[in-house]
Protein backbone atom coordinates (compact mmCIF):
# COMPACT_ATOMS: atom_id res chain seq x y z
CA MET A 1 65.61 -88.10 5.83
CA SER A 2 66.19 -89.93 8.80
CA LEU A 3 67.57 -86.76 10.61
CA VAL A 4 64.33 -84.88 9.58
CA HIS A 5 62.29 -87.74 11.00
CA ARG A 6 63.87 -87.76 14.38
CA SER A 7 63.32 -83.95 14.85
CA LEU A 8 59.70 -84.02 14.03
CA VAL A 9 59.30 -87.00 16.67
CA SER A 10 61.12 -84.81 19.16
CA ALA A 11 58.82 -81.95 18.40
CA VAL A 12 55.72 -84.17 19.06
CA LEU A 13 57.03 -85.49 22.30
CA LEU A 14 57.73 -81.91 23.63
CA CYS A 15 54.28 -80.43 22.84
CA CYS A 16 52.28 -83.29 24.29
CA ALA A 17 54.23 -83.23 27.67
CA ALA A 18 51.72 -83.65 30.61
CA PRO A 19 50.51 -80.39 32.21
CA ALA A 20 51.62 -79.31 35.78
CA LEU A 21 48.89 -80.30 38.33
CA ALA A 22 46.72 -77.33 39.56
CA CYS A 23 44.38 -77.20 42.37
CA ASP A 24 40.77 -77.21 41.74
CA PRO A 25 38.77 -75.19 44.49
CA GLN A 26 35.04 -75.27 44.92
CA ILE A 27 32.86 -73.16 47.28
CA SER A 28 30.53 -75.80 48.33
CA ARG A 29 28.52 -74.07 51.05
CA VAL A 30 27.85 -70.59 52.38
CA ASP A 31 25.97 -69.81 55.50
CA GLY A 32 25.47 -66.19 56.38
CA PRO A 33 22.95 -64.00 58.23
CA VAL A 34 19.47 -64.02 56.83
CA ASN A 35 16.83 -61.99 58.52
CA ASP A 36 19.01 -61.52 61.65
CA SER A 37 18.18 -58.76 63.98
CA TYR A 38 19.99 -55.19 64.25
CA GLU A 39 19.29 -52.87 67.25
CA PRO A 40 19.74 -49.19 66.13
CA PHE A 41 20.31 -48.00 69.55
CA SER A 42 22.62 -50.68 70.93
CA PRO A 43 26.02 -49.15 71.93
CA ASP A 44 27.77 -52.22 70.66
CA ALA A 45 28.43 -53.35 67.10
CA ALA A 46 26.27 -56.23 65.71
CA THR A 47 28.30 -59.27 64.59
CA TYR A 48 26.92 -62.29 62.69
CA PRO A 49 28.77 -65.39 61.71
CA LEU A 50 29.39 -66.16 58.18
CA THR A 51 30.84 -69.62 57.40
CA ILE A 52 31.99 -70.78 53.99
CA THR A 53 33.13 -74.00 53.11
CA ILE A 54 35.74 -74.76 50.33
CA THR A 55 36.73 -78.04 48.77
CA ASN A 56 40.00 -78.79 46.77
CA ARG A 57 38.91 -81.32 44.17
CA ASP A 58 42.46 -81.97 42.81
CA GLU A 59 45.67 -83.42 44.34
CA ALA A 60 47.62 -80.28 44.09
CA ALA A 61 47.57 -77.72 47.02
CA CYS A 62 45.57 -74.36 46.64
CA ASP A 63 47.28 -71.12 47.62
CA LEU A 64 44.67 -68.52 47.34
CA ARG A 65 43.30 -65.30 48.75
CA ALA A 66 39.62 -64.44 49.14
CA VAL A 67 37.68 -61.00 48.16
CA ALA A 68 34.06 -60.49 48.56
CA ILE A 69 32.72 -58.00 46.27
CA GLY A 70 29.51 -56.03 47.12
CA THR A 71 27.06 -54.17 44.79
CA MET A 72 28.92 -50.70 45.42
CA SER A 73 32.72 -50.19 45.53
CA GLY A 74 34.43 -48.71 48.38
CA ALA A 75 32.35 -48.81 51.94
CA ARG A 76 30.10 -51.87 52.14
CA ARG A 77 26.30 -51.02 52.42
CA LEU A 78 23.37 -53.18 52.91
CA ILE A 79 20.37 -51.52 51.09
CA GLY A 80 17.03 -50.86 53.17
CA PRO A 81 13.37 -50.54 52.05
CA SER A 82 14.24 -47.20 50.49
CA SER A 83 17.44 -46.81 48.13
CA ARG A 84 18.14 -43.91 50.56
CA GLU A 85 18.39 -46.03 53.62
CA ARG A 86 21.71 -47.83 54.02
CA LEU A 87 23.52 -49.74 56.70
CA ASN A 88 27.39 -49.68 56.61
CA TYR A 89 29.06 -52.98 57.35
CA GLU A 90 32.33 -54.94 56.98
CA ILE A 91 33.41 -58.44 56.56
CA PHE A 92 36.39 -59.89 58.56
CA GLY A 93 38.35 -63.03 58.95
CA ASP A 94 40.75 -64.29 61.28
CA GLN A 95 42.92 -61.71 63.34
CA ALA A 96 40.36 -59.06 62.18
CA ILE A 97 41.59 -59.30 58.60
CA ARG A 98 39.15 -57.23 56.52
CA LEU A 99 38.15 -58.80 53.13
CA PRO A 100 38.66 -56.34 50.42
CA ASN A 101 35.69 -55.05 48.33
CA GLU A 102 37.90 -54.67 45.28
CA GLN A 103 39.11 -57.50 43.10
CA ALA A 104 42.20 -55.38 41.99
CA SER A 105 43.16 -54.34 45.54
CA GLY A 106 46.09 -56.76 45.56
CA PHE A 107 45.04 -57.98 48.96
CA GLY A 108 42.70 -60.65 50.39
CA LEU A 109 42.27 -63.20 53.14
CA PRO A 110 44.91 -65.97 52.57
CA ILE A 111 43.73 -69.50 52.14
CA MET A 112 45.76 -72.67 51.89
CA ILE A 113 44.09 -75.92 51.01
CA GLY A 114 45.77 -79.23 50.78
CA GLY A 115 45.15 -81.74 48.02
CA GLN A 116 41.74 -83.36 48.16
CA GLN A 117 41.10 -81.30 51.41
CA GLU A 118 38.23 -79.15 52.90
CA VAL A 119 38.71 -75.94 54.78
CA THR A 120 36.02 -73.85 56.48
CA LEU A 121 36.13 -70.13 56.82
CA ARG A 122 34.81 -68.65 59.88
CA LEU A 123 34.04 -64.97 59.16
CA GLN A 124 32.05 -62.28 60.71
CA VAL A 125 29.74 -59.72 59.13
CA CYS A 126 30.11 -56.57 61.53
CA VAL A 127 27.60 -53.81 61.34
CA ALA A 128 28.68 -50.68 63.20
CA PRO A 129 26.64 -49.19 66.18
CA GLY A 130 24.77 -46.18 66.13
CA GLN A 131 23.10 -46.36 62.73
CA VAL A 132 19.42 -44.99 63.28
CA VAL A 133 17.87 -46.01 59.99
CA ALA A 134 14.18 -46.82 59.28
CA SER A 135 13.13 -50.35 60.27
CA GLY A 136 12.97 -53.19 57.78
CA ILE A 137 14.96 -55.42 55.72
CA TYR A 138 18.47 -54.47 54.67
CA ASP A 139 20.40 -56.75 52.16
CA GLU A 140 23.06 -56.73 49.61
CA ASN A 141 24.36 -59.70 47.08
CA VAL A 142 27.99 -60.28 47.64
CA GLU A 143 30.32 -62.04 45.20
CA LEU A 144 32.93 -63.91 46.83
CA LEU A 145 35.94 -64.55 44.72
CA LEU A 146 38.89 -67.03 45.18
CA LEU A 147 42.05 -65.75 43.45
CA ASP A 148 45.37 -67.45 42.77
CA ARG A 149 48.69 -65.69 43.01
CA GLY A 150 48.45 -64.27 39.69
CA GLY A 151 45.13 -62.66 40.50
CA GLU A 152 43.08 -65.03 38.29
CA VAL A 153 39.52 -65.91 39.51
CA ARG A 154 39.67 -69.77 40.37
CA GLU A 155 36.13 -69.87 41.81
CA GLN A 156 33.42 -67.49 42.51
CA ARG A 157 29.81 -67.66 44.26
CA ARG A 158 27.21 -65.16 44.96
CA PHE A 159 25.21 -65.19 48.13
CA PRO A 160 22.85 -62.72 49.96
CA LEU A 161 23.44 -60.97 53.37
CA ARG A 162 20.28 -59.96 54.97
CA VAL A 163 19.64 -58.04 58.29
CA ARG A 164 16.57 -56.95 59.81
CA VAL A 165 16.42 -53.63 61.52
CA GLU A 166 14.17 -53.44 64.38
CA ALA A 167 11.38 -50.61 65.10
CA ARG A 168 12.49 -49.05 68.32
CA ALA A 169 11.47 -46.08 70.41
CA GLN A 170 13.07 -44.91 73.69
CA VAL A 171 12.22 -42.29 76.24
CA ASN A 172 14.19 -40.30 78.98
CA LEU A 173 13.02 -37.57 81.30
CA ALA A 174 15.48 -34.69 81.24
CA GLY A 175 16.09 -33.34 84.66
CA THR A 176 15.74 -36.69 86.35
CA ALA A 177 18.24 -39.42 87.26
CA GLY A 178 18.51 -42.20 84.34
CA VAL A 179 19.24 -42.90 80.79
CA PHE A 180 17.19 -43.57 77.73
CA SER A 181 15.08 -46.77 78.07
CA ASN A 182 12.66 -48.90 76.06
CA GLY A 183 9.09 -49.12 77.24
CA SER A 184 8.25 -46.39 79.89
CA ARG A 185 9.74 -44.00 82.33
CA SER A 186 8.20 -42.25 85.35
CA ALA A 187 9.57 -39.51 87.47
CA LEU A 188 8.70 -37.15 90.47
CA LEU A 189 8.12 -33.57 89.36
CA ASP A 190 8.58 -31.38 92.32
CA LEU A 191 5.96 -28.20 92.33
CA GLY A 192 7.48 -27.00 95.73
CA GLU A 193 5.06 -25.29 98.07
CA LEU A 194 1.82 -25.14 96.20
CA ARG A 195 0.20 -21.80 95.47
CA ASP A 196 -2.19 -20.77 92.80
CA GLY A 197 -0.24 -20.91 89.44
CA SER A 198 2.52 -23.17 90.86
CA SER A 199 4.14 -24.91 88.05
CA ASN A 200 7.23 -26.85 86.87
CA ALA A 201 8.44 -28.45 83.74
CA VAL A 202 10.27 -31.53 82.79
CA PHE A 203 11.60 -32.47 79.17
CA ILE A 204 10.40 -35.67 77.58
CA GLN A 205 13.25 -36.82 75.44
CA LEU A 206 12.54 -39.22 72.58
CA ARG A 207 14.51 -41.13 70.14
CA SER A 208 13.29 -43.57 67.55
CA ASN A 209 13.85 -44.77 64.00
CA GLU A 210 10.05 -44.69 63.50
CA PRO A 211 7.20 -42.18 64.26
CA VAL A 212 6.44 -42.69 67.87
CA ARG A 213 3.13 -43.10 69.86
CA VAL A 214 3.63 -41.49 73.52
CA ARG A 215 1.12 -42.65 76.07
CA LEU A 216 0.77 -40.72 79.22
CA GLN A 217 -0.93 -42.20 82.13
CA SER A 218 -1.69 -40.44 85.61
CA GLN A 219 -2.12 -42.59 88.71
CA ASN A 220 -4.50 -40.18 90.23
CA LYS A 221 -6.37 -39.24 86.83
CA GLY A 222 -4.90 -35.76 86.73
CA GLU A 223 -5.04 -34.78 90.36
CA LEU A 224 -2.52 -34.25 93.07
CA VAL A 225 -3.53 -36.48 96.06
CA ASN A 226 -2.62 -35.79 99.79
CA VAL A 227 -0.39 -38.60 100.85
CA GLU A 228 -1.99 -38.81 104.50
CA GLN A 229 -5.55 -37.88 103.49
CA PRO A 230 -6.34 -39.25 100.11
CA VAL A 231 -9.70 -37.58 100.00
CA GLU A 232 -7.93 -34.17 99.69
CA ARG A 233 -7.12 -33.77 96.04
CA ILE A 234 -6.12 -30.70 93.90
CA PRO A 235 -6.57 -30.64 90.13
CA TYR A 236 -3.65 -29.64 87.76
CA GLU A 237 -3.15 -29.08 84.15
CA PHE A 238 -0.58 -30.78 81.94
CA VAL A 239 0.75 -29.47 78.78
CA VAL A 240 3.12 -31.28 76.29
CA ASP A 241 4.89 -29.49 73.44
CA GLY A 242 2.17 -26.91 73.68
CA THR A 243 -0.74 -29.34 73.55
CA ALA A 244 -3.02 -29.66 76.59
CA VAL A 245 -3.44 -33.24 77.75
CA ALA A 246 -6.36 -34.43 79.75
CA LEU A 247 -5.10 -36.93 82.43
CA SER A 248 -8.47 -37.98 83.43
CA ALA A 249 -7.86 -41.13 81.36
CA PRO A 250 -4.75 -42.62 79.36
CA ALA A 251 -3.84 -39.99 76.77
CA ASN A 252 -1.79 -40.71 73.57
CA LEU A 253 0.15 -38.16 71.58
CA ARG A 254 2.15 -38.66 68.33
CA ARG A 255 5.64 -37.36 67.48
CA ALA A 256 8.31 -37.94 64.91
CA PRO A 257 11.60 -37.15 66.33
CA PRO A 258 14.62 -37.11 63.87
CA ARG A 259 16.35 -40.45 63.20
CA SER A 260 19.41 -39.87 65.58
CA LEU A 261 21.09 -40.81 68.66
CA ASP A 262 19.97 -37.38 70.23
CA GLY A 263 16.28 -37.61 68.99
CA ALA A 264 14.25 -34.67 70.40
CA SER A 265 13.01 -33.01 73.35
CA TYR A 266 9.42 -32.09 74.24
CA ARG A 267 8.76 -29.51 76.85
CA ALA A 268 5.85 -30.75 79.66
CA VAL A 269 4.68 -28.44 81.92
CA ALA A 270 2.49 -29.23 85.08
CA THR A 271 0.50 -26.24 86.66
CA VAL A 272 -1.84 -25.97 89.54
CA PRO A 273 -4.44 -23.18 88.79
CA VAL A 274 -6.10 -22.92 91.98
CA VAL A 275 -4.87 -24.44 95.23
CA GLY A 276 -8.13 -23.61 97.25
CA ASN A 277 -8.71 -24.36 100.87
CA ARG A 278 -6.92 -27.57 101.45
CA PHE A 279 -5.29 -29.46 104.16
CA ALA A 280 -1.54 -28.97 104.56
CA GLY A 281 0.42 -31.86 103.64
CA GLU A 282 2.49 -33.46 100.73
CA TYR A 283 0.28 -34.11 97.28
CA ARG A 284 1.48 -36.46 94.73
CA ASP A 285 0.69 -37.83 91.49
CA LEU A 286 2.73 -40.20 89.37
CA ILE A 287 2.65 -39.87 85.48
CA THR A 288 4.07 -42.71 83.51
CA VAL A 289 5.34 -41.96 80.06
CA SER A 290 5.38 -45.00 77.38
CA VAL A 291 6.51 -45.04 74.03
CA GLU A 292 6.02 -47.21 71.08
CA ALA A 293 7.52 -47.11 67.48
CA THR A 294 4.86 -47.26 64.95
CA PRO A 295 6.35 -48.06 61.47
């Protein structure tokens, strides 16, 4: 009886041995982009800070890796006003380490946290340039997972990423020096030696992520004016994309170029129907082309 009694006591002592210490991570704070601006025609990628604070509530150190799971697997996408409108992005850590979008990838951002310590991850949300999408709010809910070496989830937290795509329209005048610009452009259109029927053309290049209001304003209200004798004037006609435009007052046109970096070109033709009996000299007018995106 005494031998059996001792064996039972040993078994009880073994099963009640104190467990090994395990770290206890907590994601205590997440600060990411909320309503930050994205410029669709900027040549540079847009980067937004994403700061995550993690606290270890145990004495044992944590050896973890972080992954960030989006709504869809594979490429990350912020969803726009329409489900068809999407904005590609990535999340990067130190040394440009990409946070995986899959829990089972076997990879992740390594994180070491001492016992009773706190660390701050300074990440970046990077939206690639050249994405000409409709204006509005683009967002996605992201699930941040902290995994141990065995791939077990030790902590998780969901947070939103939100970016505002601006409504932008740009104009360039083909055949003139310059590049696309916001707001307005003006250029000299040379008609050469004036004769009845003299004409020349320029292409108004538009690109926008929304329909565009084009405003045309003639300095001399649709007339070529003699530089030295302003009383000498020659009326001319102006046609844009097949539409006659009266320049006696500011004129507005509406166009909807495709959403792309190239946009669309619209032919503008200036024609002098009749020169008449006019003094010799140089005749000029200045037409300013202004554009505005109209969501």
